[in-house]
């Protein structure tokens, strides 16, 4: 990813194509295909860990107010799990959880957990090693003896693990072949600061490509993350996220096809004294995701492309536009471009790949019936040009 340069003159990438070539990208003659992968009833917006039973109720209330409908956390005892689930029952929240007693006494603990309306699924493992795949499968098999309805949650490593980028997709396929999960969840926190410069991991989009590929092959949904907690490693500092950085992460997840949007961790959003400065920005992004649900939930994403001077490894450059679009121009670092169908309509969405600055976007359609689609689904006339804020999304539909 190129470092953002505040004062550089915009450089436009102009993309033109013939309608005949573009028609190949539209489902082989099926004008409005719908996804064959069953979607959840709503987007899952999940906060990850850091709640204990003593403060569950007020923290769940704050999460609910910020647009969360799910929480994941694990405990030592069933008593702690029961306290969390009881608090969540009142908040109409989905809970993914586990405790040590789940392993010791699954016959009695599983019915007690699943009796709660708020119980959504079993937390099994975070970032397992390849050597643990068989162990995970056996663990899930035990749970399935007593409950076949609720999903078992395993979150996998990003693509810097398991042997790196080239080995990652085969390892994903091995994981999904061995471990009977209902969906594929992964984390990759792409925005980091090195020597005062904010950068986006160049392998992040390749990670999204591989996750999307593996999930589609298994006809399952995938869940993704954004980072809400600042921390440091020997390599870099992961900063307190701005609204642009949060949007870039979650909207990129969205246009690649994610149906669940997770945040690591609750501690970055709510601490014992109350909410953090990140809380209001997370709440805004969650509200936008909820609006976008009517456009994206259940969509059949046909292709994802990239524009810009540098095309990330493992991704496709936008060389051929869908039929009905004459040209697209994007400035600066370019966009993630997603072409998809949903509810009998076709859409194209652009996510500004810069998390710090705006992106100029110009799009020209063959028909004057093309419409700009706001995040809430309302439609309006297409303008001559747009300035897309950092990490933000712009959507269009046409016949």
Protein backbone atom coordinates (compact mmCIF):
# COMPACT_ATOMS: atom_id res chain seq x y z
CA UNK A 1 0.00 0.00 0.00
CA UNK A 2 1.44 3.40 -0.94
CA UNK A 3 1.81 5.89 1.88
CA UNK A 4 -0.79 8.63 1.62
CA UNK A 5 0.64 11.91 0.32
CA UNK A 6 -1.48 14.86 1.36
CA UNK A 7 -0.41 17.29 -1.31
CA UNK A 8 0.04 15.06 -4.31
CA UNK A 9 -1.93 15.96 -7.43
CA UNK A 10 -4.66 13.38 -8.12
CA UNK A 11 -3.67 10.75 -10.64
CA UNK A 12 -6.62 9.15 -12.33
CA UNK A 13 -6.86 5.58 -13.47
CA UNK A 14 -9.25 5.52 -16.43
CA UNK A 15 -11.04 2.27 -17.09
CA UNK A 16 -12.91 1.63 -20.32
CA UNK A 17 -14.29 -1.53 -21.85
CA UNK A 18 -16.56 -2.97 -24.44
CA UNK A 19 -20.03 -4.14 -23.52
CA UNK A 20 -19.40 -7.50 -25.18
CA UNK A 21 -16.46 -8.30 -22.88
CA UNK A 22 -18.23 -6.99 -19.80
CA UNK A 23 -21.19 -9.25 -20.33
CA UNK A 24 -19.04 -12.19 -19.29
CA UNK A 25 -18.90 -10.76 -15.74
CA UNK A 26 -22.65 -10.83 -15.23
CA UNK A 27 -23.46 -14.39 -14.36
CA UNK A 28 -23.41 -16.09 -17.76
CA UNK A 29 -26.74 -14.75 -18.97
CA UNK A 30 -28.53 -15.02 -15.62
CA UNK A 31 -29.40 -11.35 -15.28
CA UNK A 32 -30.17 -11.20 -11.58
CA UNK A 33 -28.73 -14.20 -9.74
CA UNK A 34 -29.27 -14.35 -5.98
CA UNK A 35 -26.80 -15.87 -3.57
CA UNK A 36 -27.28 -19.57 -2.91
CA UNK A 37 -25.54 -19.24 0.47
CA UNK A 38 -28.17 -18.83 3.22
CA UNK A 39 -27.72 -15.47 4.92
CA UNK A 40 -28.51 -14.71 8.57
CA UNK A 41 -31.67 -12.76 9.30
CA UNK A 42 -29.56 -9.68 10.00
CA UNK A 43 -25.94 -8.62 10.05
CA UNK A 44 -24.15 -9.79 13.17
CA UNK A 45 -22.31 -6.86 14.79
CA UNK A 46 -20.20 -8.35 17.54
CA UNK A 47 -17.97 -7.06 20.32
CA UNK A 48 -15.21 -9.40 21.44
CA UNK A 49 -14.37 -10.25 25.10
CA UNK A 50 -13.60 -8.21 28.27
CA UNK A 51 -16.96 -8.45 30.03
CA UNK A 52 -17.17 -10.20 33.40
CA UNK A 53 -20.43 -11.13 35.12
CA UNK A 54 -20.09 -8.31 37.67
CA UNK A 55 -20.38 -5.62 34.99
CA UNK A 56 -22.26 -7.49 32.27
CA UNK A 57 -25.56 -5.62 32.36
CA UNK A 58 -24.41 -2.02 31.99
CA UNK A 59 -21.75 -2.90 29.42
CA UNK A 60 -24.26 -4.87 27.35
CA UNK A 61 -26.62 -1.90 27.52
CA UNK A 62 -23.88 0.40 26.17
CA UNK A 63 -23.04 -2.08 23.42
CA UNK A 64 -26.70 -2.28 22.46
CA UNK A 65 -26.91 1.52 22.29
CA UNK A 66 -23.87 1.51 19.97
CA UNK A 67 -25.57 -0.83 17.52
CA UNK A 68 -24.13 -4.16 18.63
CA UNK A 69 -26.40 -7.19 18.59
CA UNK A 70 -23.81 -9.79 19.64
CA UNK A 71 -21.05 -10.37 22.17
CA UNK A 72 -18.40 -13.08 22.48
CA UNK A 73 -16.65 -14.00 25.71
CA UNK A 74 -15.61 -17.11 27.64
CA UNK A 75 -15.40 -17.88 31.36
CA UNK A 76 -14.02 -20.32 33.88
CA UNK A 77 -17.36 -21.38 35.37
CA UNK A 78 -20.87 -22.01 34.15
CA UNK A 79 -22.13 -19.66 36.88
CA UNK A 80 -20.38 -16.77 35.10
CA UNK A 81 -21.76 -17.87 31.73
CA UNK A 82 -25.24 -18.12 33.21
CA UNK A 83 -24.99 -14.60 34.66
CA UNK A 84 -23.95 -13.18 31.29
CA UNK A 85 -26.69 -15.01 29.41
CA UNK A 86 -29.30 -13.88 31.95
CA UNK A 87 -28.23 -10.25 31.49
CA UNK A 88 -28.21 -10.66 27.70
CA UNK A 89 -31.71 -12.21 27.70
CA UNK A 90 -33.01 -8.81 28.82
CA UNK A 91 -31.05 -6.96 26.13
CA UNK A 92 -32.05 -9.13 23.15
CA UNK A 93 -28.35 -9.75 22.45
CA UNK A 94 -26.73 -12.79 20.80
CA UNK A 95 -24.06 -14.42 22.97
CA UNK A 96 -21.23 -16.72 21.87
CA UNK A 97 -19.59 -18.21 24.95
CA UNK A 98 -18.03 -21.18 26.70
CA UNK A 99 -16.63 -22.30 30.04
CA UNK A 100 -14.34 -25.01 31.37
CA UNK A 101 -17.36 -26.98 32.60
CA UNK A 102 -18.55 -27.30 29.00
CA UNK A 103 -15.70 -29.75 28.41
CA UNK A 104 -16.11 -31.51 31.74
CA UNK A 105 -19.89 -31.96 31.74
CA UNK A 106 -21.33 -31.26 28.27
CA UNK A 107 -24.45 -33.37 28.87
CA UNK A 108 -25.71 -30.99 31.57
CA UNK A 109 -24.00 -27.71 30.70
CA UNK A 110 -25.10 -27.56 27.04
CA UNK A 111 -28.86 -27.72 27.75
CA UNK A 112 -28.47 -25.11 30.48
CA UNK A 113 -26.67 -22.76 28.09
CA UNK A 114 -28.99 -23.27 25.14
CA UNK A 115 -32.08 -22.71 27.31
CA UNK A 116 -31.27 -19.00 27.31
CA UNK A 117 -32.87 -17.04 24.42
CA UNK A 118 -29.68 -15.00 24.07
CA UNK A 119 -27.43 -18.01 23.48
CA UNK A 120 -26.15 -17.94 19.89
CA UNK A 121 -23.22 -20.33 19.72
CA UNK A 122 -20.30 -22.10 21.38
CA UNK A 123 -16.90 -20.43 21.48
CA UNK A 124 -14.41 -23.18 20.64
CA UNK A 125 -11.02 -21.62 19.87
CA UNK A 126 -9.24 -18.49 18.68
CA UNK A 127 -6.42 -18.69 16.14
CA UNK A 128 -5.72 -22.43 16.24
CA UNK A 129 -2.53 -23.94 14.91
CA UNK A 130 -2.77 -26.38 12.00
CA UNK A 131 -1.81 -29.18 14.40
CA UNK A 132 -5.02 -28.48 16.37
CA UNK A 133 -7.51 -29.05 13.52
CA UNK A 134 -8.27 -32.66 14.46
CA UNK A 135 -8.60 -31.73 18.13
CA UNK A 136 -11.09 -28.99 17.21
CA UNK A 137 -13.12 -31.41 15.11
CA UNK A 138 -13.30 -33.85 18.01
CA UNK A 139 -14.32 -31.12 20.42
CA UNK A 140 -17.13 -29.99 18.14
CA UNK A 141 -18.22 -33.59 17.62
CA UNK A 142 -18.80 -33.92 21.38
CA UNK A 143 -20.95 -30.77 21.41
CA UNK A 144 -22.92 -31.98 18.40
CA UNK A 145 -24.02 -35.06 20.38
CA UNK A 146 -26.09 -32.75 22.60
CA UNK A 147 -26.82 -29.79 20.31
CA UNK A 148 -26.94 -29.76 16.52
CA UNK A 149 -28.57 -26.35 16.08
CA UNK A 150 -26.19 -23.72 17.45
CA UNK A 151 -22.97 -22.90 15.58
CA UNK A 152 -19.51 -23.62 16.93
CA UNK A 153 -17.22 -20.60 16.61
CA UNK A 154 -13.57 -20.88 15.65
CA UNK A 155 -11.66 -17.77 14.57
CA UNK A 156 -8.67 -18.46 12.33
CA UNK A 157 -5.33 -16.69 11.96
CA UNK A 158 -4.66 -14.05 9.31
CA UNK A 159 -2.46 -14.88 6.35
CA UNK A 160 0.85 -13.98 7.97
CA UNK A 161 0.46 -17.28 9.90
CA UNK A 162 0.19 -20.91 8.75
CA UNK A 163 3.21 -20.54 6.47
CA UNK A 164 2.37 -17.15 4.98
CA UNK A 165 0.38 -15.87 2.01
CA UNK A 166 1.17 -18.63 -0.49
CA UNK A 167 0.34 -21.44 1.94
CA UNK A 168 -2.70 -19.77 3.47
CA UNK A 169 -5.51 -20.78 1.10
CA UNK A 170 -4.58 -24.49 1.13
CA UNK A 171 -4.52 -24.36 4.94
CA UNK A 172 -7.95 -22.68 4.95
CA UNK A 173 -9.29 -25.46 2.76
CA UNK A 174 -7.79 -28.05 5.11
CA UNK A 175 -9.34 -26.30 8.09
CA UNK A 176 -12.81 -26.25 6.52
CA UNK A 177 -12.49 -29.86 5.38
CA UNK A 178 -11.53 -31.01 8.88
CA UNK A 179 -13.36 -28.70 11.30
CA UNK A 180 -17.19 -28.65 10.99
CA UNK A 181 -17.82 -24.94 11.50
CA UNK A 182 -20.97 -23.25 10.20
CA UNK A 183 -19.14 -20.13 9.00
CA UNK A 184 -15.57 -18.95 8.49
CA UNK A 185 -14.27 -16.27 10.87
CA UNK A 186 -10.86 -14.59 10.62
CA UNK A 187 -9.01 -11.58 11.97
CA UNK A 188 -6.46 -9.36 10.30
CA UNK A 189 -5.78 -5.89 11.69
CA UNK A 190 -4.41 -4.01 8.70
CA UNK A 191 -3.84 -0.45 9.87
CA UNK A 192 -0.56 0.18 11.65
CA UNK A 193 1.80 3.06 12.32
CA UNK A 194 5.53 2.74 11.69
CA UNK A 195 7.89 5.66 12.32
CA UNK A 196 4.94 8.04 12.49
CA UNK A 197 3.47 6.90 9.15
CA UNK A 198 0.06 5.21 8.96
CA UNK A 199 0.16 2.21 6.63
CA UNK A 200 -2.24 -0.51 5.50
CA UNK A 201 -0.85 -4.05 5.47
CA UNK A 202 -0.31 -4.97 1.79
CA UNK A 203 -1.37 -8.58 2.46
CA UNK A 204 -4.76 -7.68 3.97
CA UNK A 205 -6.73 -7.64 0.71
CA UNK A 206 -5.12 -10.93 -0.32
CA UNK A 207 -6.39 -12.29 3.01
CA UNK A 208 -9.93 -11.14 2.16
CA UNK A 209 -9.62 -12.72 -1.29
CA UNK A 210 -8.63 -16.09 0.18
CA UNK A 211 -11.30 -16.00 2.88
CA UNK A 212 -13.97 -15.17 0.28
CA UNK A 213 -12.71 -17.95 -2.01
CA UNK A 214 -12.64 -20.62 0.70
CA UNK A 215 -16.04 -19.63 2.08
CA UNK A 216 -17.68 -19.65 -1.37
CA UNK A 217 -16.22 -23.06 -2.15
CA UNK A 218 -17.89 -24.41 1.00
CA UNK A 219 -21.07 -22.39 0.37
CA UNK A 220 -20.84 -20.69 3.74
CA UNK A 221 -20.74 -17.14 5.05
CA UNK A 222 -17.68 -15.45 6.49
CA UNK A 223 -17.16 -13.17 9.48
CA UNK A 224 -14.45 -10.50 9.69
CA UNK A 225 -12.94 -8.04 12.18
CA UNK A 226 -11.98 -4.43 12.70
CA UNK A 227 -9.52 -3.28 15.34
CA UNK A 228 -10.92 -1.01 18.07
CA UNK A 229 -8.09 -1.40 20.61
CA UNK A 230 -4.78 0.42 20.35
CA UNK A 231 -1.68 -1.62 21.13
CA UNK A 232 1.96 -2.01 20.15
CA UNK A 233 4.19 -4.84 18.96
CA UNK A 234 7.89 -4.99 18.17
CA UNK A 235 6.98 -4.29 14.55
CA UNK A 236 4.55 -1.40 14.80
CA UNK A 237 1.94 0.54 16.75
CA UNK A 238 -1.71 -0.14 16.06
CA UNK A 239 -3.30 3.26 16.67
CA UNK A 240 -6.57 4.27 18.26
CA UNK A 241 -8.75 4.01 15.14
CA UNK A 242 -10.22 7.04 13.42
CA UNK A 243 -13.63 6.99 11.75
CA UNK A 244 -11.86 6.59 8.39
CA UNK A 245 -9.87 3.60 9.64
CA UNK A 246 -12.96 1.92 11.08
CA UNK A 247 -14.91 2.50 7.87
CA UNK A 248 -12.09 1.20 5.69
CA UNK A 249 -11.93 -2.05 7.65
CA UNK A 250 -15.64 -2.76 7.96
CA UNK A 251 -16.71 -1.48 4.54
CA UNK A 252 -13.94 -3.50 2.86
CA UNK A 253 -15.18 -6.54 4.78
CA UNK A 254 -18.68 -5.69 3.59
CA UNK A 255 -17.95 -5.42 -0.14
CA UNK A 256 -15.99 -8.68 -0.05
CA UNK A 257 -19.11 -10.38 1.30
CA UNK A 258 -18.87 -10.52 5.10
CA UNK A 259 -22.17 -10.92 6.97
CA UNK A 260 -20.76 -10.42 10.48
CA UNK A 261 -18.65 -7.48 11.63
CA UNK A 262 -16.57 -8.05 14.74
CA UNK A 263 -14.52 -5.66 16.87
CA UNK A 264 -11.42 -6.50 18.86
CA UNK A 265 -11.94 -5.75 21.69
CA UNK A 266 -14.71 -4.44 23.95
CA UNK A 267 -11.97 -2.87 26.09
CA UNK A 268 -11.19 -0.47 23.24
CA UNK A 269 -14.84 0.66 23.22
CA UNK A 270 -16.01 0.40 26.85
CA UNK A 271 -13.81 0.34 29.94
CA UNK A 272 -14.67 0.21 33.63
CA UNK A 273 -15.01 3.98 33.81
CA UNK A 274 -17.42 4.06 30.84
CA UNK A 275 -17.08 4.62 27.11
CA UNK A 276 -13.81 5.44 25.33
CA UNK A 277 -13.36 8.08 22.58
CA UNK A 278 -13.70 5.27 20.02
CA UNK A 279 -17.25 4.47 21.17
CA UNK A 280 -19.02 7.20 19.19
CA UNK A 281 -17.19 6.36 15.95
CA UNK A 282 -17.92 2.64 16.35
CA UNK A 283 -21.57 3.50 16.99
CA UNK A 284 -21.67 5.56 13.77
CA UNK A 285 -20.09 2.80 11.65
CA UNK A 286 -22.48 0.25 13.18
CA UNK A 287 -25.45 2.45 12.31
CA UNK A 288 -24.17 2.70 8.74
CA UNK A 289 -23.71 -1.07 8.53
CA UNK A 290 -27.28 -1.52 9.73
CA UNK A 291 -28.49 0.80 6.96
CA UNK A 292 -26.39 -1.00 4.36
CA UNK A 293 -27.86 -4.34 5.42
CA UNK A 294 -30.85 -3.88 3.09
CA UNK A 295 -28.47 -3.49 0.12
CA UNK A 296 -25.87 -6.16 0.93
CA UNK A 297 -27.47 -8.87 3.07
CA UNK A 298 -28.06 -11.91 0.86
CA UNK A 299 -26.21 -10.37 -2.09
CA UNK A 300 -24.48 -12.43 -4.75
CA UNK A 301 -21.10 -10.74 -5.13
CA UNK A 302 -19.95 -11.45 -8.65
CA UNK A 303 -16.52 -9.80 -8.61
CA UNK A 304 -14.26 -7.66 -6.45
CA UNK A 305 -11.63 -5.49 -8.14
CA UNK A 306 -9.13 -2.78 -7.24
CA UNK A 307 -8.22 0.54 -8.80
CA UNK A 308 -5.22 2.75 -8.05
CA UNK A 309 -1.57 3.00 -8.98
CA UNK A 310 -0.70 -0.08 -6.91
CA UNK A 311 -2.88 -3.21 -7.05
CA UNK A 312 -2.44 -5.33 -3.90
CA UNK A 313 -0.93 -8.80 -4.28
CA UNK A 314 -3.54 -11.50 -4.83
CA UNK A 315 -6.25 -9.12 -6.06
CA UNK A 316 -7.66 -8.24 -9.49
CA UNK A 317 -7.27 -4.92 -11.26
CA UNK A 318 -10.46 -3.43 -12.66
CA UNK A 319 -9.82 -3.83 -16.38
CA UNK A 320 -13.32 -4.64 -17.65
CA UNK A 321 -16.36 -2.77 -16.41
CA UNK A 322 -19.79 -4.39 -16.08
CA UNK A 323 -22.11 -3.87 -19.01
CA UNK A 324 -23.84 -0.50 -18.82
CA UNK A 325 -20.91 1.43 -17.32
CA UNK A 326 -18.85 3.42 -19.81
CA UNK A 327 -16.00 4.60 -17.61
CA UNK A 328 -14.75 4.90 -14.04
CA UNK A 329 -12.06 7.22 -12.72
CA UNK A 330 -10.63 7.16 -9.20
CA UNK A 331 -7.90 9.33 -7.69
CA UNK A 332 -5.21 8.87 -5.06
CA UNK A 333 -4.93 5.33 -3.69
CA UNK A 334 -7.99 4.13 -5.59
CA UNK A 335 -10.89 1.96 -4.52
CA UNK A 336 -12.07 -1.52 -3.74
CA UNK A 337 -14.81 -2.13 -6.32
CA UNK A 338 -17.56 -4.69 -5.73
CA UNK A 339 -20.08 -5.75 -8.38
CA UNK A 340 -23.09 -7.62 -7.02
CA UNK A 341 -26.75 -8.51 -7.39
CA UNK A 342 -29.45 -8.41 -4.74
CA UNK A 343 -33.24 -8.38 -4.68
CA UNK A 344 -33.57 -8.23 -8.45
CA UNK A 345 -31.13 -5.33 -8.91
CA UNK A 346 -27.48 -4.96 -9.81
CA UNK A 347 -25.08 -2.71 -7.93
CA UNK A 348 -21.53 -1.46 -7.99
CA UNK A 349 -19.87 -0.19 -4.81
CA UNK A 350 -16.62 1.74 -4.32
CA UNK A 351 -14.70 1.86 -1.02
CA UNK A 352 -12.00 4.52 -0.77
CA UNK A 353 -8.78 2.63 0.07
CA UNK A 354 -7.27 5.61 1.84
CA UNK A 355 -8.05 5.72 5.56
CA UNK A 356 -6.72 9.27 5.82
CA UNK A 357 -7.83 11.30 2.80
CA UNK A 358 -10.70 11.68 0.35
CA UNK A 359 -10.94 10.04 -3.07
CA UNK A 360 -12.29 11.61 -6.25
CA UNK A 361 -14.69 9.32 -8.11
CA UNK A 362 -16.25 9.83 -11.53
CA UNK A 363 -18.51 7.21 -13.11
CA UNK A 364 -20.30 7.39 -16.47
CA UNK A 365 -23.24 5.10 -17.29
CA UNK A 366 -24.70 4.32 -20.70
CA UNK A 367 -28.23 4.99 -19.45
CA UNK A 368 -29.56 8.09 -17.77
CA UNK A 369 -31.65 5.77 -15.57
CA UNK A 370 -28.65 4.89 -13.39
CA UNK A 371 -29.05 5.91 -9.77
CA UNK A 372 -26.80 6.72 -6.83
CA UNK A 373 -27.82 4.66 -3.79
CA UNK A 374 -27.43 6.19 -0.34
CA UNK A 375 -26.47 4.03 2.63
CA UNK A 376 -30.10 3.92 3.74
CA UNK A 377 -31.17 2.59 0.32
CA UNK A 378 -32.74 5.77 -1.03
CA UNK A 379 -31.87 6.54 -4.64
CA UNK A 380 -31.02 9.79 -6.40
CA UNK A 381 -29.54 11.14 -9.60
CA UNK A 382 -25.95 10.34 -10.48
CA UNK A 383 -23.66 13.38 -10.13
CA UNK A 384 -20.78 14.33 -12.40
CA UNK A 385 -18.24 13.60 -9.66
CA UNK A 386 -17.94 12.63 -6.00
CA UNK A 387 -15.48 13.20 -3.19
CA UNK A 388 -15.57 10.00 -1.14
CA UNK A 389 -14.32 10.51 2.46
CA UNK A 390 -11.58 8.37 3.96
CA UNK A 391 -12.57 4.70 4.03
CA UNK A 392 -16.13 5.52 2.98
CA UNK A 393 -18.39 3.82 0.44
CA UNK A 394 -20.33 4.97 -2.64
CA UNK A 395 -22.96 2.76 -4.31
CA UNK A 396 -24.81 2.84 -7.65
CA UNK A 397 -27.47 0.80 -9.41
CA UNK A 398 -28.51 0.70 -13.08
CA UNK A 399 -30.38 -1.35 -15.66
